[in-house]
Amino acid sequence: LKDFDVLIYADWLDENLPKDKSDLTTKQLQEKIQENKKFIFLATE
C-alpha cells in the first residue's frame, strides 16, 4: 500500500490502544476508523 502514497494506521503499532477488547478499546477503534479516510480489511483466511 505504501507504493500508493498513503499513511497507514494499524492498531498493532498504536501503543496508546489497549490490547484487551474492552469498551475503551472499542471507543478508540471507532475514533481511529473515523479519523482515517479509507478502511481496508486484509482478508486472509
ModelCIF file with pLDDT and N, C-alpha, C, O atoms, coordinates in Angstrom:
data_MODEL
#
_entry.id   MODEL 
#
_entity.id                         1 
_entity.type                       polymer 
_entity.pdbx_number_of_molecules   1 
#
_entity_poly.entity_id                      1 
_entity_poly.type                           'polypeptide(L)' 
_entity_poly.nstd_linkage                   no 
_entity_poly.nstd_monomer                   no 
_entity_poly.pdbx_seq_one_letter_code       LKDFDVLIYADWLDENLPKDKSDLTTKQLQEKIQENKKFIFLATE 
_entity_poly.pdbx_seq_one_letter_code_can   LKDFDVLIYADWLDENLPKDKSDLTTKQLQEKIQENKKFIFLATE 
_entity_poly.pdbx_strand_id                 A 
#
loop_
_entity_poly_seq.entity_id 
_entity_poly_seq.num 
_entity_poly_seq.mon_id 
_entity_poly_seq.hetero 
1 1  LEU n 
1 2  LYS n 
1 3  ASP n 
1 4  PHE n 
1 5  ASP n 
1 6  VAL n 
1 7  LEU n 
1 8  ILE n 
1 9  TYR n 
1 10 ALA n 
1 11 ASP n 
1 12 TRP n 
1 13 LEU n 
1 14 ASP n 
1 15 GLU n 
1 16 ASN n 
1 17 LEU n 
1 18 PRO n 
1 19 LYS n 
1 20 ASP n 
1 21 LYS n 
1 22 SER n 
1 23 ASP n 
1 24 LEU n 
1 25 THR n 
1 26 THR n 
1 27 LYS n 
1 28 GLN n 
1 29 LEU n 
1 30 GLN n 
1 31 GLU n 
1 32 LYS n 
1 33 ILE n 
1 34 GLN n 
1 35 GLU n 
1 36 ASN n 
1 37 LYS n 
1 38 LYS n 
1 39 PHE n 
1 40 ILE n 
1 41 PHE n 
1 42 LEU n 
1 43 ALA n 
1 44 THR n 
1 45 GLU n 
#
_struct_asym.id          A 
_struct_asym.entity_id   1 
#
loop_
_ma_qa_metric.id 
_ma_qa_metric.mode 
_ma_qa_metric.name 
_ma_qa_metric.software_group_id 
_ma_qa_metric.type 
1 global pLDDT . pLDDT 
2 local  pLDDT . pLDDT 
#
_ma_qa_metric_global.metric_id      1 
_ma_qa_metric_global.metric_value   89.82 
_ma_qa_metric_global.model_id       1 
_ma_qa_metric_global.ordinal_id     1 
#
loop_
_ma_qa_metric_local.label_asym_id 
_ma_qa_metric_local.label_comp_id 
_ma_qa_metric_local.label_seq_id 
_ma_qa_metric_local.metric_id 
_ma_qa_metric_local.metric_value 
_ma_qa_metric_local.model_id 
_ma_qa_metric_local.ordinal_id 
A LEU 1  2 92.00 1 1  
A LYS 2  2 86.00 1 2  
A ASP 3  2 85.00 1 3  
A PHE 4  2 90.00 1 4  
A ASP 5  2 84.00 1 5  
A VAL 6  2 91.00 1 6  
A LEU 7  2 89.00 1 7  
A ILE 8  2 92.00 1 8  
A TYR 9  2 93.00 1 9  
A ALA 10 2 90.00 1 10 
A ASP 11 2 84.00 1 11 
A TRP 12 2 76.00 1 12 
A LEU 13 2 79.00 1 13 
A ASP 14 2 84.00 1 14 
A GLU 15 2 84.00 1 15 
A ASN 16 2 87.00 1 16 
A LEU 17 2 85.00 1 17 
A PRO 18 2 84.00 1 18 
A LYS 19 2 79.00 1 19 
A ASP 20 2 81.00 1 20 
A LYS 21 2 79.00 1 21 
A SER 22 2 84.00 1 22 
A ASP 23 2 89.00 1 23 
A LEU 24 2 90.00 1 24 
A THR 25 2 88.00 1 25 
A THR 26 2 90.00 1 26 
A LYS 27 2 93.00 1 27 
A GLN 28 2 93.00 1 28 
A LEU 29 2 94.00 1 29 
A GLN 30 2 96.00 1 30 
A GLU 31 2 96.00 1 31 
A LYS 32 2 96.00 1 32 
A ILE 33 2 97.00 1 33 
A GLN 34 2 97.00 1 34 
A GLU 35 2 94.00 1 35 
A ASN 36 2 95.00 1 36 
A LYS 37 2 96.00 1 37 
A LYS 38 2 98.00 1 38 
A PHE 39 2 98.00 1 39 
A ILE 40 2 98.00 1 40 
A PHE 41 2 97.00 1 41 
A LEU 42 2 96.00 1 42 
A ALA 43 2 93.00 1 43 
A THR 44 2 91.00 1 44 
A GLU 45 2 89.00 1 45 
#
loop_
_atom_site.group_PDB 
_atom_site.id 
_atom_site.type_symbol 
_atom_site.label_atom_id 
_atom_site.label_alt_id 
_atom_site.label_comp_id 
_atom_site.label_asym_id 
_atom_site.label_entity_id 
_atom_site.label_seq_id 
_atom_site.pdbx_PDB_ins_code 
_atom_site.Cartn_x 
_atom_site.Cartn_y 
_atom_site.Cartn_z 
_atom_site.occupancy 
_atom_site.B_iso_or_equiv 
_atom_site.pdbx_formal_charge 
_atom_site.auth_seq_id 
_atom_site.auth_comp_id 
_atom_site.auth_asym_id 
_atom_site.auth_atom_id 
_atom_site.pdbx_PDB_model_num 
ATOM 1   N N  . LEU A 1 1  ? 0.805   -1.219  0.000  1.00 92.00 ? 1  LEU A N  1 
ATOM 2   C CA . LEU A 1 1  ? 0.000   0.000   0.000  1.00 92.00 ? 1  LEU A CA 1 
ATOM 3   C C  . LEU A 1 1  ? 0.841   1.274   0.000  1.00 92.00 ? 1  LEU A C  1 
ATOM 4   O O  . LEU A 1 1  ? 0.400   2.303   -0.510 1.00 92.00 ? 1  LEU A O  1 
ATOM 5   N N  . LYS A 1 2  ? 2.042   1.216   0.564  1.00 86.00 ? 2  LYS A N  1 
ATOM 6   C CA . LYS A 1 2  ? 2.901   2.396   0.611  1.00 86.00 ? 2  LYS A CA 1 
ATOM 7   C C  . LYS A 1 2  ? 3.264   2.903   -0.779 1.00 86.00 ? 2  LYS A C  1 
ATOM 8   O O  . LYS A 1 2  ? 3.569   4.085   -0.944 1.00 86.00 ? 2  LYS A O  1 
ATOM 9   N N  . ASP A 1 3  ? 3.236   2.028   -1.781 1.00 85.00 ? 3  ASP A N  1 
ATOM 10  C CA . ASP A 1 3  ? 3.517   2.455   -3.154 1.00 85.00 ? 3  ASP A CA 1 
ATOM 11  C C  . ASP A 1 3  ? 2.465   3.440   -3.665 1.00 85.00 ? 3  ASP A C  1 
ATOM 12  O O  . ASP A 1 3  ? 2.663   4.076   -4.701 1.00 85.00 ? 3  ASP A O  1 
ATOM 13  N N  . PHE A 1 4  ? 1.352   3.569   -2.946 1.00 90.00 ? 4  PHE A N  1 
ATOM 14  C CA . PHE A 1 4  ? 0.262   4.462   -3.348 1.00 90.00 ? 4  PHE A CA 1 
ATOM 15  C C  . PHE A 1 4  ? 0.254   5.747   -2.525 1.00 90.00 ? 4  PHE A C  1 
ATOM 16  O O  . PHE A 1 4  ? -0.745  6.467   -2.516 1.00 90.00 ? 4  PHE A O  1 
ATOM 17  N N  . ASP A 1 5  ? 1.347   6.041   -1.839 1.00 84.00 ? 5  ASP A N  1 
ATOM 18  C CA . ASP A 1 5  ? 1.497   7.268   -1.042 1.00 84.00 ? 5  ASP A CA 1 
ATOM 19  C C  . ASP A 1 5  ? 0.382   7.455   -0.031 1.00 84.00 ? 5  ASP A C  1 
ATOM 20  O O  . ASP A 1 5  ? -0.237  8.516   0.038  1.00 84.00 ? 5  ASP A O  1 
ATOM 21  N N  . VAL A 1 6  ? 0.135   6.430   0.740  1.00 91.00 ? 6  VAL A N  1 
ATOM 22  C CA . VAL A 1 6  ? -0.870  6.505   1.794  1.00 91.00 ? 6  VAL A CA 1 
ATOM 23  C C  . VAL A 1 6  ? -0.189  6.374   3.148  1.00 91.00 ? 6  VAL A C  1 
ATOM 24  O O  . VAL A 1 6  ? 0.899   5.811   3.269  1.00 91.00 ? 6  VAL A O  1 
ATOM 25  N N  . LEU A 1 7  ? -0.854  6.903   4.151  1.00 89.00 ? 7  LEU A N  1 
ATOM 26  C CA . LEU A 1 7  ? -0.399  6.745   5.527  1.00 89.00 ? 7  LEU A CA 1 
ATOM 27  C C  . LEU A 1 7  ? -1.302  5.710   6.171  1.00 89.00 ? 7  LEU A C  1 
ATOM 28  O O  . LEU A 1 7  ? -2.522  5.872   6.191  1.00 89.00 ? 7  LEU A O  1 
ATOM 29  N N  . ILE A 1 8  ? -0.719  4.665   6.691  1.00 92.00 ? 8  ILE A N  1 
ATOM 30  C CA . ILE A 1 8  ? -1.491  3.533   7.189  1.00 92.00 ? 8  ILE A CA 1 
ATOM 31  C C  . ILE A 1 8  ? -1.517  3.529   8.712  1.00 92.00 ? 8  ILE A C  1 
ATOM 32  O O  . ILE A 1 8  ? -0.490  3.676   9.375  1.00 92.00 ? 8  ILE A O  1 
ATOM 33  N N  . TYR A 1 9  ? -2.721  3.356   9.244  1.00 93.00 ? 9  TYR A N  1 
ATOM 34  C CA . TYR A 1 9  ? -2.888  3.147   10.676 1.00 93.00 ? 9  TYR A CA 1 
ATOM 35  C C  . TYR A 1 9  ? -3.174  1.663   10.876 1.00 93.00 ? 9  TYR A C  1 
ATOM 36  O O  . TYR A 1 9  ? -4.125  1.125   10.309 1.00 93.00 ? 9  TYR A O  1 
ATOM 37  N N  . ALA A 1 10 ? -2.358  1.017   11.675 1.00 90.00 ? 10 ALA A N  1 
ATOM 38  C CA . ALA A 1 10 ? -2.578  -0.378  12.053 1.00 90.00 ? 10 ALA A CA 1 
ATOM 39  C C  . ALA A 1 10 ? -2.539  -0.432  13.574 1.00 90.00 ? 10 ALA A C  1 
ATOM 40  O O  . ALA A 1 10 ? -1.559  -0.004  14.184 1.00 90.00 ? 10 ALA A O  1 
ATOM 41  N N  . ASP A 1 11 ? -3.577  -0.943  14.180 1.00 84.00 ? 11 ASP A N  1 
ATOM 42  C CA . ASP A 1 11 ? -3.696  -0.862  15.642 1.00 84.00 ? 11 ASP A CA 1 
ATOM 43  C C  . ASP A 1 11 ? -2.546  -1.542  16.377 1.00 84.00 ? 11 ASP A C  1 
ATOM 44  O O  . ASP A 1 11 ? -2.222  -1.148  17.498 1.00 84.00 ? 11 ASP A O  1 
ATOM 45  N N  . TRP A 1 12 ? -1.929  -2.541  15.782 1.00 76.00 ? 12 TRP A N  1 
ATOM 46  C CA . TRP A 1 12 ? -0.810  -3.225  16.440 1.00 76.00 ? 12 TRP A CA 1 
ATOM 47  C C  . TRP A 1 12 ? 0.322   -2.247  16.720 1.00 76.00 ? 12 TRP A C  1 
ATOM 48  O O  . TRP A 1 12 ? 1.071   -2.416  17.682 1.00 76.00 ? 12 TRP A O  1 
ATOM 49  N N  . LEU A 1 13 ? 0.445   -1.228  15.881 1.00 79.00 ? 13 LEU A N  1 
ATOM 50  C CA . LEU A 1 13 ? 1.525   -0.261  16.016 1.00 79.00 ? 13 LEU A CA 1 
ATOM 51  C C  . LEU A 1 13 ? 1.161   0.902   16.933 1.00 79.00 ? 13 LEU A C  1 
ATOM 52  O O  . LEU A 1 13 ? 2.003   1.755   17.212 1.00 79.00 ? 13 LEU A O  1 
ATOM 53  N N  . ASP A 1 14 ? -0.072  0.945   17.400 1.00 84.00 ? 14 ASP A N  1 
ATOM 54  C CA . ASP A 1 14 ? -0.544  2.041   18.245 1.00 84.00 ? 14 ASP A CA 1 
ATOM 55  C C  . ASP A 1 14 ? -0.335  1.681   19.711 1.00 84.00 ? 14 ASP A C  1 
ATOM 56  O O  . ASP A 1 14 ? -1.062  0.863   20.274 1.00 84.00 ? 14 ASP A O  1 
ATOM 57  N N  . GLU A 1 15 ? 0.662   2.300   20.311 1.00 84.00 ? 15 GLU A N  1 
ATOM 58  C CA . GLU A 1 15 ? 0.985   1.995   21.711 1.00 84.00 ? 15 GLU A CA 1 
ATOM 59  C C  . GLU A 1 15 ? -0.072  2.525   22.673 1.00 84.00 ? 15 GLU A C  1 
ATOM 60  O O  . GLU A 1 15 ? -0.120  2.091   23.824 1.00 84.00 ? 15 GLU A O  1 
ATOM 61  N N  . ASN A 1 16 ? -0.917  3.452   22.230 1.00 87.00 ? 16 ASN A N  1 
ATOM 62  C CA . ASN A 1 16 ? -1.960  4.024   23.087 1.00 87.00 ? 16 ASN A CA 1 
ATOM 63  C C  . ASN A 1 16 ? -3.247  3.201   23.096 1.00 87.00 ? 16 ASN A C  1 
ATOM 64  O O  . ASN A 1 16 ? -4.127  3.432   23.924 1.00 87.00 ? 16 ASN A O  1 
ATOM 65  N N  . LEU A 1 17 ? -3.355  2.257   22.189 1.00 85.00 ? 17 LEU A N  1 
ATOM 66  C CA . LEU A 1 17 ? -4.561  1.433   22.114 1.00 85.00 ? 17 LEU A CA 1 
ATOM 67  C C  . LEU A 1 17 ? -4.441  0.264   23.090 1.00 85.00 ? 17 LEU A C  1 
ATOM 68  O O  . LEU A 1 17 ? -3.469  -0.489  23.030 1.00 85.00 ? 17 LEU A O  1 
ATOM 69  N N  . PRO A 1 18 ? -5.417  0.102   23.989 1.00 84.00 ? 18 PRO A N  1 
ATOM 70  C CA . PRO A 1 18 ? -5.360  -1.046  24.914 1.00 84.00 ? 18 PRO A CA 1 
ATOM 71  C C  . PRO A 1 18 ? -5.343  -2.366  24.140 1.00 84.00 ? 18 PRO A C  1 
ATOM 72  O O  . PRO A 1 18 ? -5.981  -2.485  23.094 1.00 84.00 ? 18 PRO A O  1 
ATOM 73  N N  . LYS A 1 19 ? -4.631  -3.328  24.644 1.00 79.00 ? 19 LYS A N  1 
ATOM 74  C CA . LYS A 1 19 ? -4.506  -4.621  23.963 1.00 79.00 ? 19 LYS A CA 1 
ATOM 75  C C  . LYS A 1 19 ? -5.683  -5.559  24.256 1.00 79.00 ? 19 LYS A C  1 
ATOM 76  O O  . LYS A 1 19 ? -5.844  -6.580  23.588 1.00 79.00 ? 19 LYS A O  1 
ATOM 77  N N  . ASP A 1 20 ? -6.499  -5.215  25.249 1.00 81.00 ? 20 ASP A N  1 
ATOM 78  C CA . ASP A 1 20 ? -7.668  -6.053  25.538 1.00 81.00 ? 20 ASP A CA 1 
ATOM 79  C C  . ASP A 1 20 ? -8.846  -5.581  24.677 1.00 81.00 ? 20 ASP A C  1 
ATOM 80  O O  . ASP A 1 20 ? -8.732  -4.598  23.946 1.00 81.00 ? 20 ASP A O  1 
ATOM 81  N N  . LYS A 1 21 ? -9.948  -6.274  24.769 1.00 79.00 ? 21 LYS A N  1 
ATOM 82  C CA . LYS A 1 21 ? -11.128 -5.941  23.971 1.00 79.00 ? 21 LYS A CA 1 
ATOM 83  C C  . LYS A 1 21 ? -12.188 -5.315  24.870 1.00 79.00 ? 21 LYS A C  1 
ATOM 84  O O  . LYS A 1 21 ? -13.295 -5.835  25.010 1.00 79.00 ? 21 LYS A O  1 
ATOM 85  N N  . SER A 1 22 ? -11.828 -4.198  25.469 1.00 84.00 ? 22 SER A N  1 
ATOM 86  C CA . SER A 1 22 ? -12.702 -3.518  26.417 1.00 84.00 ? 22 SER A CA 1 
ATOM 87  C C  . SER A 1 22 ? -13.513 -2.431  25.714 1.00 84.00 ? 22 SER A C  1 
ATOM 88  O O  . SER A 1 22 ? -13.365 -2.203  24.513 1.00 84.00 ? 22 SER A O  1 
ATOM 89  N N  . ASP A 1 23 ? -14.367 -1.768  26.484 1.00 89.00 ? 23 ASP A N  1 
ATOM 90  C CA . ASP A 1 23 ? -15.147 -0.649  25.954 1.00 89.00 ? 23 ASP A CA 1 
ATOM 91  C C  . ASP A 1 23 ? -14.217 0.488   25.519 1.00 89.00 ? 23 ASP A C  1 
ATOM 92  O O  . ASP A 1 23 ? -14.488 1.167   24.529 1.00 89.00 ? 23 ASP A O  1 
ATOM 93  N N  . LEU A 1 24 ? -13.135 0.692   26.251 1.00 90.00 ? 24 LEU A N  1 
ATOM 94  C CA . LEU A 1 24 ? -12.177 1.728   25.887 1.00 90.00 ? 24 LEU A CA 1 
ATOM 95  C C  . LEU A 1 24 ? -11.531 1.400   24.538 1.00 90.00 ? 24 LEU A C  1 
ATOM 96  O O  . LEU A 1 24 ? -11.345 2.288   23.706 1.00 90.00 ? 24 LEU A O  1 
ATOM 97  N N  . THR A 1 25 ? -11.195 0.144   24.327 1.00 88.00 ? 25 THR A N  1 
ATOM 98  C CA . THR A 1 25 ? -10.625 -0.288  23.051 1.00 88.00 ? 25 THR A CA 1 
ATOM 99  C C  . THR A 1 25 ? -11.616 -0.006  21.928 1.00 88.00 ? 25 THR A C  1 
ATOM 100 O O  . THR A 1 25 ? -11.248 0.521   20.878 1.00 88.00 ? 25 THR A O  1 
ATOM 101 N N  . THR A 1 26 ? -12.869 -0.362  22.160 1.00 90.00 ? 26 THR A N  1 
ATOM 102 C CA . THR A 1 26 ? -13.909 -0.142  21.159 1.00 90.00 ? 26 THR A CA 1 
ATOM 103 C C  . THR A 1 26 ? -14.028 1.339   20.820 1.00 90.00 ? 26 THR A C  1 
ATOM 104 O O  . THR A 1 26 ? -14.088 1.706   19.647 1.00 90.00 ? 26 THR A O  1 
ATOM 105 N N  . LYS A 1 27 ? -14.062 2.174   21.824 1.00 93.00 ? 27 LYS A N  1 
ATOM 106 C CA . LYS A 1 27 ? -14.185 3.620   21.621 1.00 93.00 ? 27 LYS A CA 1 
ATOM 107 C C  . LYS A 1 27 ? -13.004 4.158   20.820 1.00 93.00 ? 27 LYS A C  1 
ATOM 108 O O  . LYS A 1 27 ? -13.187 4.953   19.898 1.00 93.00 ? 27 LYS A O  1 
ATOM 109 N N  . GLN A 1 28 ? -11.801 3.731   21.168 1.00 93.00 ? 28 GLN A N  1 
ATOM 110 C CA . GLN A 1 28 ? -10.618 4.215   20.456 1.00 93.00 ? 28 GLN A CA 1 
ATOM 111 C C  . GLN A 1 28 ? -10.577 3.700   19.020 1.00 93.00 ? 28 GLN A C  1 
ATOM 112 O O  . GLN A 1 28 ? -10.170 4.426   18.112 1.00 93.00 ? 28 GLN A O  1 
ATOM 113 N N  . LEU A 1 29 ? -10.996 2.449   18.809 1.00 94.00 ? 29 LEU A N  1 
ATOM 114 C CA . LEU A 1 29 ? -11.058 1.924   17.440 1.00 94.00 ? 29 LEU A CA 1 
ATOM 115 C C  . LEU A 1 29 ? -12.053 2.727   16.609 1.00 94.00 ? 29 LEU A C  1 
ATOM 116 O O  . LEU A 1 29 ? -11.769 3.068   15.460 1.00 94.00 ? 29 LEU A O  1 
ATOM 117 N N  . GLN A 1 30 ? -13.210 3.029   17.178 1.00 96.00 ? 30 GLN A N  1 
ATOM 118 C CA . GLN A 1 30 ? -14.206 3.836   16.472 1.00 96.00 ? 30 GLN A CA 1 
ATOM 119 C C  . GLN A 1 30 ? -13.599 5.176   16.057 1.00 96.00 ? 30 GLN A C  1 
ATOM 120 O O  . GLN A 1 30 ? -13.780 5.618   14.922 1.00 96.00 ? 30 GLN A O  1 
ATOM 121 N N  . GLU A 1 31 ? -12.890 5.813   16.967 1.00 96.00 ? 31 GLU A N  1 
ATOM 122 C CA . GLU A 1 31 ? -12.266 7.103   16.669 1.00 96.00 ? 31 GLU A CA 1 
ATOM 123 C C  . GLU A 1 31 ? -11.236 6.970   15.546 1.00 96.00 ? 31 GLU A C  1 
ATOM 124 O O  . GLU A 1 31 ? -11.185 7.810   14.647 1.00 96.00 ? 31 GLU A O  1 
ATOM 125 N N  . LYS A 1 32 ? -10.427 5.933   15.596 1.00 96.00 ? 32 LYS A N  1 
ATOM 126 C CA . LYS A 1 32 ? -9.393  5.740   14.570 1.00 96.00 ? 32 LYS A CA 1 
ATOM 127 C C  . LYS A 1 32 ? -10.011 5.428   13.206 1.00 96.00 ? 32 LYS A C  1 
ATOM 128 O O  . LYS A 1 32 ? -9.531  5.913   12.182 1.00 96.00 ? 32 LYS A O  1 
ATOM 129 N N  . ILE A 1 33 ? -11.065 4.628   13.191 1.00 97.00 ? 33 ILE A N  1 
ATOM 130 C CA . ILE A 1 33 ? -11.742 4.337   11.925 1.00 97.00 ? 33 ILE A CA 1 
ATOM 131 C C  . ILE A 1 33 ? -12.310 5.635   11.347 1.00 97.00 ? 33 ILE A C  1 
ATOM 132 O O  . ILE A 1 33 ? -12.217 5.881   10.144 1.00 97.00 ? 33 ILE A O  1 
ATOM 133 N N  . GLN A 1 34 ? -12.891 6.452   12.203 1.00 97.00 ? 34 GLN A N  1 
ATOM 134 C CA . GLN A 1 34 ? -13.476 7.729   11.777 1.00 97.00 ? 34 GLN A CA 1 
ATOM 135 C C  . GLN A 1 34 ? -12.389 8.691   11.276 1.00 97.00 ? 34 GLN A C  1 
ATOM 136 O O  . GLN A 1 34 ? -12.585 9.378   10.274 1.00 97.00 ? 34 GLN A O  1 
ATOM 137 N N  . GLU A 1 35 ? -11.267 8.739   11.960 1.00 94.00 ? 35 GLU A N  1 
ATOM 138 C CA . GLU A 1 35 ? -10.184 9.664   11.617 1.00 94.00 ? 35 GLU A CA 1 
ATOM 139 C C  . GLU A 1 35 ? -9.561  9.374   10.262 1.00 94.00 ? 35 GLU A C  1 
ATOM 140 O O  . GLU A 1 35 ? -9.152  10.298  9.560  1.00 94.00 ? 35 GLU A O  1 
ATOM 141 N N  . ASN A 1 36 ? -9.485  8.111   9.886  1.00 95.00 ? 36 ASN A N  1 
ATOM 142 C CA . ASN A 1 36 ? -8.836  7.721   8.638  1.00 95.00 ? 36 ASN A CA 1 
ATOM 143 C C  . ASN A 1 36 ? -9.828  7.794   7.490  1.00 95.00 ? 36 ASN A C  1 
ATOM 144 O O  . ASN A 1 36 ? -10.998 7.441   7.636  1.00 95.00 ? 36 ASN A O  1 
ATOM 145 N N  . LYS A 1 37 ? -9.341  8.260   6.342  1.00 96.00 ? 37 LYS A N  1 
ATOM 146 C CA . LYS A 1 37 ? -10.219 8.463   5.186  1.00 96.00 ? 37 LYS A CA 1 
ATOM 147 C C  . LYS A 1 37 ? -10.734 7.135   4.625  1.00 96.00 ? 37 LYS A C  1 
ATOM 148 O O  . LYS A 1 37 ? -11.905 7.036   4.258  1.00 96.00 ? 37 LYS A O  1 
ATOM 149 N N  . LYS A 1 38 ? -9.890  6.135   4.557  1.00 98.00 ? 38 LYS A N  1 
ATOM 150 C CA . LYS A 1 38 ? -10.250 4.839   3.963  1.00 98.00 ? 38 LYS A CA 1 
ATOM 151 C C  . LYS A 1 38 ? -10.071 3.730   4.994  1.00 98.00 ? 38 LYS A C  1 
ATOM 152 O O  . LYS A 1 38 ? -9.343  3.883   5.976  1.00 98.00 ? 38 LYS A O  1 
ATOM 153 N N  . PHE A 1 39 ? -10.749 2.611   4.751  1.00 98.00 ? 39 PHE A N  1 
ATOM 154 C CA . PHE A 1 39 ? -10.667 1.428   5.606  1.00 98.00 ? 39 PHE A CA 1 
ATOM 155 C C  . PHE A 1 39 ? -10.419 0.239   4.688  1.00 98.00 ? 39 PHE A C  1 
ATOM 156 O O  . PHE A 1 39 ? -11.169 0.009   3.740  1.00 98.00 ? 39 PHE A O  1 
ATOM 157 N N  . ILE A 1 40 ? -9.363  -0.514  4.975  1.00 98.00 ? 40 ILE A N  1 
ATOM 158 C CA . ILE A 1 40 ? -9.061  -1.720  4.198  1.00 98.00 ? 40 ILE A CA 1 
ATOM 159 C C  . ILE A 1 40 ? -8.996  -2.901  5.152  1.00 98.00 ? 40 ILE A C  1 
ATOM 160 O O  . ILE A 1 40 ? -8.314  -2.859  6.176  1.00 98.00 ? 40 ILE A O  1 
ATOM 161 N N  . PHE A 1 41 ? -9.721  -3.955  4.796  1.00 97.00 ? 41 PHE A N  1 
ATOM 162 C CA . PHE A 1 41 ? -9.734  -5.196  5.571  1.00 97.00 ? 41 PHE A CA 1 
ATOM 163 C C  . PHE A 1 41 ? -8.833  -6.191  4.875  1.00 97.00 ? 41 PHE A C  1 
ATOM 164 O O  . PHE A 1 41 ? -9.127  -6.611  3.756  1.00 97.00 ? 41 PHE A O  1 
ATOM 165 N N  . LEU A 1 42 ? -7.735  -6.581  5.515  1.00 96.00 ? 42 LEU A N  1 
ATOM 166 C CA . LEU A 1 42 ? -6.808  -7.578  4.987  1.00 96.00 ? 42 LEU A CA 1 
ATOM 167 C C  . LEU A 1 42 ? -7.447  -8.948  5.204  1.00 96.00 ? 42 LEU A C  1 
ATOM 168 O O  . LEU A 1 42 ? -7.346  -9.532  6.284  1.00 96.00 ? 42 LEU A O  1 
ATOM 169 N N  . ALA A 1 43 ? -8.097  -9.444  4.171  1.00 93.00 ? 43 ALA A N  1 
ATOM 170 C CA . ALA A 1 43 ? -8.953  -10.631 4.281  1.00 93.00 ? 43 ALA A CA 1 
ATOM 171 C C  . ALA A 1 43 ? -8.174  -11.916 4.027  1.00 93.00 ? 43 ALA A C  1 
ATOM 172 O O  . ALA A 1 43 ? -8.271  -12.515 2.956  1.00 93.00 ? 43 ALA A O  1 
ATOM 173 N N  . THR A 1 44 ? -7.411  -12.324 5.015  1.00 91.00 ? 44 THR A N  1 
ATOM 174 C CA . THR A 1 44 ? -6.784  -13.645 4.983  1.00 91.00 ? 44 THR A CA 1 
ATOM 175 C C  . THR A 1 44 ? -7.823  -14.646 5.485  1.00 91.00 ? 44 THR A C  1 
ATOM 176 O O  . THR A 1 44 ? -8.860  -14.256 6.022  1.00 91.00 ? 44 THR A O  1 
ATOM 177 N N  . GLU A 1 45 ? -7.545  -15.911 5.311  1.00 89.00 ? 45 GLU A N  1 
ATOM 178 C CA . GLU A 1 45 ? -8.486  -16.925 5.815  1.00 89.00 ? 45 GLU A CA 1 
ATOM 179 C C  . GLU A 1 45 ? -8.675  -16.785 7.322  1.00 89.00 ? 45 GLU A C  1 
ATOM 180 O O  . GLU A 1 45 ? -9.430  -17.550 7.922  1.00 89.00 ? 45 GLU A O  1 
#
